[in-house]
Protein backbone atom coordinates (compact mmCIF):
# COMPACT_ATOMS: atom_id res chain seq x y z
CA MET A 1 1.00 33.08 -62.98
CA PHE A 2 1.40 36.48 -60.62
CA LEU A 3 -1.71 38.10 -59.27
CA PRO A 4 -2.02 41.22 -57.53
CA GLY A 5 -2.46 41.50 -53.85
CA PHE A 6 -6.21 42.20 -53.80
CA ALA A 7 -6.54 39.38 -56.23
CA ARG A 8 -5.04 36.75 -53.65
CA VAL A 9 -7.16 38.51 -50.80
CA PHE A 10 -10.13 38.13 -53.00
CA LEU A 11 -9.60 34.31 -53.86
CA ALA A 12 -8.68 33.48 -50.10
CA LEU A 13 -11.92 35.10 -48.66
CA ASN A 14 -13.90 33.26 -51.32
CA ILE A 15 -12.61 30.25 -50.36
CA VAL A 16 -13.38 30.43 -46.65
CA ARG A 17 -17.00 31.67 -47.80
CA ALA A 18 -17.14 28.44 -49.97
CA LEU A 19 -16.20 26.25 -47.10
CA SER A 20 -18.64 28.14 -44.59
CA ILE A 21 -21.39 27.46 -47.06
CA ILE A 22 -20.50 23.80 -47.45
CA ALA A 23 -20.49 23.49 -43.79
CA LEU A 24 -23.51 24.97 -42.98
CA LEU A 25 -25.38 23.20 -45.59
CA LEU A 26 -23.97 19.87 -43.96
CA VAL A 27 -25.02 20.68 -40.44
CA PHE A 28 -28.40 21.77 -41.99
CA ALA A 29 -28.80 18.26 -43.39
CA THR A 30 -27.48 16.49 -40.46
CA SER A 31 -29.86 18.20 -38.09
CA ILE A 32 -32.63 17.18 -39.85
CA LEU A 33 -31.43 13.47 -39.70
CA VAL A 34 -30.95 13.78 -36.10
CA LEU A 35 -34.30 15.43 -35.70
CA VAL A 36 -35.86 12.50 -37.43
CA ASP A 37 -34.01 9.88 -35.51
CA ASP A 38 -34.94 11.47 -32.06
CA VAL A 39 -38.68 11.67 -32.87
CA GLU A 40 -38.48 7.80 -33.86
CA ALA A 41 -36.60 6.94 -30.67
CA VAL A 42 -39.10 9.13 -28.61
CA ASN A 43 -42.10 7.13 -30.15
CA ALA A 44 -40.35 3.80 -29.57
CA PHE A 45 -39.63 4.96 -25.95
CA SER A 46 -43.22 5.83 -25.43
CA ASN A 47 -44.47 2.59 -26.83
CA GLY A 48 -42.19 0.37 -24.84
CA ASN A 49 -40.41 -0.70 -28.10
CA PHE A 50 -36.95 -0.88 -26.48
CA ASN A 51 -34.69 -2.94 -24.52
CA GLN A 52 -35.60 -2.39 -20.89
CA THR A 53 -32.75 -4.25 -19.53
CA ALA A 54 -30.01 -2.47 -21.54
CA PHE A 55 -31.72 0.65 -20.61
CA ASP A 56 -31.63 -0.10 -16.97
CA LEU A 57 -27.93 -1.21 -17.12
CA GLY A 58 -26.90 1.85 -19.34
CA ASN A 59 -27.15 5.25 -19.04
CA SER A 60 -30.88 5.97 -18.39
CA ASN A 61 -30.33 9.75 -18.55
CA TYR A 62 -30.98 9.86 -22.36
CA ILE A 63 -33.80 8.13 -24.16
CA PRO A 64 -32.17 5.20 -26.14
CA ASN A 65 -30.70 5.90 -29.53
CA SER A 66 -31.40 9.64 -29.34
CA THR A 67 -30.04 13.02 -27.91
CA VAL A 68 -33.27 13.55 -26.18
CA PRO A 69 -32.76 13.67 -22.02
CA ASN A 70 -34.99 11.65 -20.22
CA GLN A 71 -36.79 14.36 -18.13
CA PRO A 72 -40.08 16.35 -18.25
CA GLY A 73 -40.05 18.27 -21.34
CA GLY A 74 -36.93 16.65 -22.62
CA ALA A 75 -38.23 15.68 -25.91
CA PHE A 76 -39.84 19.25 -26.63
CA TRP A 77 -36.54 21.05 -25.70
CA ALA A 78 -34.43 18.51 -27.79
CA VAL A 79 -36.84 19.08 -30.97
CA LEU A 80 -36.67 23.02 -30.29
CA ASN A 81 -33.03 22.78 -30.12
CA ARG A 82 -32.84 21.09 -33.41
CA ILE A 83 -35.30 23.62 -35.32
CA PHE A 84 -33.26 26.64 -34.05
CA ILE A 85 -30.11 25.03 -35.28
CA ILE A 86 -31.86 24.59 -38.76
CA PHE A 87 -33.37 28.13 -38.76
CA GLU A 88 -29.73 29.65 -37.70
CA THR A 89 -27.99 27.66 -40.61
CA ILE A 90 -30.43 28.88 -43.22
CA VAL A 91 -30.03 32.54 -41.85
CA LEU A 92 -26.20 32.43 -41.88
CA ILE A 93 -26.25 30.79 -45.52
CA LEU A 94 -28.30 33.64 -46.94
CA SER A 95 -25.98 35.98 -45.02
CA GLU A 96 -23.00 34.20 -47.00
CA ILE A 97 -24.32 34.52 -50.19
CA ASP A 98 -25.25 38.33 -49.54
CA TRP A 99 -29.10 37.83 -50.09
CA PRO A 100 -31.26 39.64 -49.25
CA MET A 101 -28.50 42.12 -47.91
CA VAL A 102 -31.11 44.99 -47.36
CA PHE A 103 -32.95 42.78 -44.96
CA PHE A 104 -29.60 42.13 -42.91
CA ASP A 105 -28.61 45.76 -42.98
CA ARG A 106 -31.89 46.94 -41.56
CA PHE A 107 -33.09 44.30 -39.20
CA PHE A 108 -29.85 42.23 -38.42
CA PRO A 109 -26.97 44.67 -39.00
CA VAL A 110 -24.33 42.29 -37.35
CA LEU A 111 -24.70 40.06 -40.56
CA GLY A 112 -24.86 43.06 -43.04
CA LYS A 113 -22.43 44.49 -45.38
CA ASP A 114 -21.01 47.26 -42.97
CA PHE A 115 -19.88 44.39 -40.75
CA GLY A 116 -17.20 42.00 -41.02
CA VAL A 117 -17.30 38.12 -40.72
CA GLY A 118 -16.35 37.92 -36.91
CA ALA A 119 -19.95 37.83 -35.54
CA LEU A 120 -20.73 35.16 -38.43
CA GLY A 121 -17.80 33.06 -36.89
CA VAL A 122 -18.92 33.21 -33.47
CA MET A 123 -22.39 32.13 -34.48
CA GLN A 124 -20.89 28.97 -36.28
CA CYS A 125 -18.71 28.09 -33.21
CA LEU A 126 -21.88 28.30 -31.20
CA ILE A 127 -23.74 26.08 -33.48
CA GLY A 128 -21.03 23.65 -33.70
CA ALA A 129 -20.60 23.60 -29.82
CA SER A 130 -24.11 23.00 -29.22
CA VAL A 131 -24.08 19.77 -31.74
CA LEU A 132 -20.87 18.63 -30.16
CA SER A 133 -22.13 18.93 -26.69
CA HIS A 134 -24.23 15.80 -27.31
CA TYR A 135 -23.79 12.34 -28.40
CA VAL A 136 -24.45 12.08 -32.02
CA GLY A 137 -23.39 9.68 -34.93
CA LYS A 138 -20.00 10.00 -36.68
CA PHE A 139 -21.38 12.05 -39.73
CA PRO A 140 -23.06 14.75 -37.50
CA LEU A 141 -20.00 14.62 -35.43
CA VAL A 142 -17.77 15.36 -38.43
CA THR A 143 -19.83 18.05 -39.99
CA ALA A 144 -20.15 19.78 -36.66
CA PHE A 145 -16.32 19.68 -35.98
CA PHE A 146 -15.80 21.03 -39.58
CA LEU A 147 -18.38 23.93 -38.90
CA PHE A 148 -16.71 24.90 -35.72
CA SER A 149 -13.19 24.92 -37.53
CA VAL A 150 -14.78 27.31 -40.20
CA GLY A 151 -16.17 29.33 -37.49
CA CYS A 152 -12.75 29.89 -35.95
CA ALA A 153 -11.51 30.68 -39.54
CA ASN A 154 -14.03 33.31 -39.88
CA ILE A 155 -13.47 34.76 -36.40
CA LEU A 156 -9.56 35.18 -37.49
CA VAL A 157 -10.59 36.69 -40.96
CA GLY A 158 -12.85 39.07 -39.07
CA LEU A 159 -10.01 40.28 -36.70
CA ILE A 160 -7.61 40.89 -39.58
CA PHE A 161 -9.81 42.59 -42.09
CA ARG A 162 -12.55 43.75 -39.67
CA GLU A 163 -15.37 45.38 -41.52
CA SER A 164 -13.78 45.48 -44.94
CA ALA A 165 -13.48 41.74 -45.32
CA LYS A 166 -17.34 41.43 -47.17
CA ASP A 167 -16.28 44.40 -49.34
CA LYS A 168 -12.81 42.73 -50.38
CA ARG A 169 -14.54 39.22 -51.24
CA SER A 170 -17.30 41.02 -53.08
CA ILE A 171 -17.61 40.35 -56.84
CA LEU A 172 -18.32 44.00 -57.51
CA SER A 173 -15.22 44.94 -55.55
CA TRP A 174 -13.11 42.76 -57.87
CA ARG A 175 -14.44 44.59 -60.95
CA GLU A 176 -13.69 47.99 -59.58
CA ARG A 177 -10.32 47.04 -58.74
CA GLY A 178 -9.65 45.21 -61.99
CA ARG A 179 -10.09 48.48 -63.86
CA ASP A 180 -6.89 49.88 -62.23
CA VAL A 181 -5.02 46.90 -63.75
CA LEU A 182 -6.28 46.76 -67.13
CA PRO A 183 -4.83 49.19 -69.87
CA SER A 184 -7.37 52.26 -70.56
CA HIS A 185 -5.79 53.81 -73.74
CA ALA A 186 -7.73 53.91 -77.08
CA ARG A 187 -8.03 50.67 -79.36
CA GLY A 188 -5.67 50.84 -82.21
CA VAL A 189 -3.56 53.87 -80.66
CA SER A 190 -0.27 52.98 -79.44
CA ASP A 191 0.89 56.30 -78.66
CA VAL A 192 -1.46 59.06 -77.39
CA ARG A 193 0.91 61.36 -75.67
CA PRO A 194 0.11 65.04 -76.00
CA VAL A 195 1.96 67.09 -78.59
CA THR A 196 0.45 70.39 -77.72
CA GLY A 197 2.65 71.19 -74.97
CA THR A 198 5.69 71.21 -77.10
CA LEU A 199 4.36 73.42 -79.59
CA SER A 200 2.99 75.83 -77.14
CA SER A 201 6.37 76.15 -75.57
CA ALA A 202 8.01 76.62 -78.88
CA LEU A 203 5.60 79.37 -79.91
CA ILE A 204 6.04 80.99 -76.58
CA ARG A 205 9.71 80.84 -77.07
CA GLU A 206 9.30 82.45 -80.36
CA ASP A 207 7.18 85.11 -79.06
CA LYS A 208 9.75 86.16 -76.58
CA THR A 209 13.00 85.62 -78.38
CA GLY A 210 11.97 85.60 -82.07
CA THR A 211 13.86 82.26 -82.49
CA SER A 212 12.73 78.80 -82.93
CA SER A 213 15.07 75.72 -82.72
CA GLY A 214 18.20 78.04 -82.60
CA THR A 215 17.04 80.02 -85.96
CA ALA A 216 18.03 83.74 -85.49
CA PRO A 217 15.50 86.31 -86.64
CA SER A 218 15.61 88.11 -90.13
CA ASP A 219 13.99 91.26 -89.16
CA ALA A 220 12.14 93.15 -86.41
CA SER A 221 8.81 92.05 -87.54
CA SER A 222 9.60 88.41 -86.69
CA ARG A 223 9.95 89.28 -83.30
CA SER A 224 6.29 90.09 -82.83
CA GLY A 225 4.27 87.13 -81.67
CA LEU A 226 1.64 85.44 -83.72
CA GLY A 227 -0.49 83.89 -81.09
CA PHE A 228 -2.47 80.57 -81.31
CA GLY A 229 -4.50 81.75 -84.27
CA ARG A 230 -4.57 80.75 -88.01
CA GLN A 231 -1.36 82.82 -88.70
CA GLY A 232 0.38 81.08 -85.69
CA GLU A 233 -0.40 77.67 -87.01
CA LYS A 234 0.73 78.51 -90.63
CA ALA A 235 4.09 79.87 -89.15
CA ALA A 236 4.66 76.94 -86.95
CA ALA A 237 3.98 74.45 -90.17
CA LEU A 238 6.40 76.49 -92.55
CA LYS A 239 9.06 75.75 -89.46
CA GLY A 240 8.33 72.28 -89.10
CA PHE A 241 5.82 72.07 -86.32
CA HIS A 242 2.72 70.17 -87.05
CA LEU A 243 -0.36 70.61 -84.77
CA THR A 244 -2.09 67.13 -84.21
CA LYS A 245 -5.50 66.97 -82.72
CA PRO A 246 -5.12 64.73 -79.58
CA VAL A 247 -7.39 61.32 -79.33
CA GLU A 248 -10.35 62.29 -77.33
CA SER A 249 -10.35 59.93 -74.19
CA VAL A 250 -13.38 61.44 -72.27
CA PRO A 251 -16.60 62.81 -73.45
CA ARG A 252 -16.66 66.47 -74.46
CA HIS A 253 -18.84 67.47 -71.53
CA ALA A 254 -16.60 65.73 -68.85
CA ALA A 255 -14.36 67.84 -66.84
């Protein structure tokens, strides 16, 4: 099935947006899981419920089974980092579903409708890099790498389409462009070509030469023009011309 160019662009951009939302949701879920694991690991470390020998022989720079650094304030900054990631993913998900766009246009215009998706891709890459910079489990590792890849795709889309990317993927823009593809003639009417132009030109020729369709005038009175009134309509009907009222395609008050 052949699709017009704007339809292919619309589908491609919305596929990227769907992948972006999925990646953000996965990172949001994994961030909550990692946050819970870190809090449990910090509590176990504070109570001494861990293998001291393995901790001394291994890497003592991080609390065991966590991403929390073993330093003053390490637990606070680790938890704060996860909270920031969760908050950022929520904001980016809302910007991807275009709600509330008035809020973004006024307070955070870089994610509004007048900007492309390049800035969104940069933020996604920063979140992915922040997660990948720590030792995490396989599932958070995969989701963070997936988010980083989608962020690179959004950066590429932003460089190609610039500020028109969000307009091209909008449902409302699809409807507006779809009107140019669908036929716009009246229902049940196969041919609505105007016929007044032919009749007008014939009457004008009759007015100038006194002939119509090659017929010579019979007397001098036939050379006088009958105009476009009732007499002209009768004369045209006698010579085989029929004035047909065209089908109205626009309201009477329209220009």
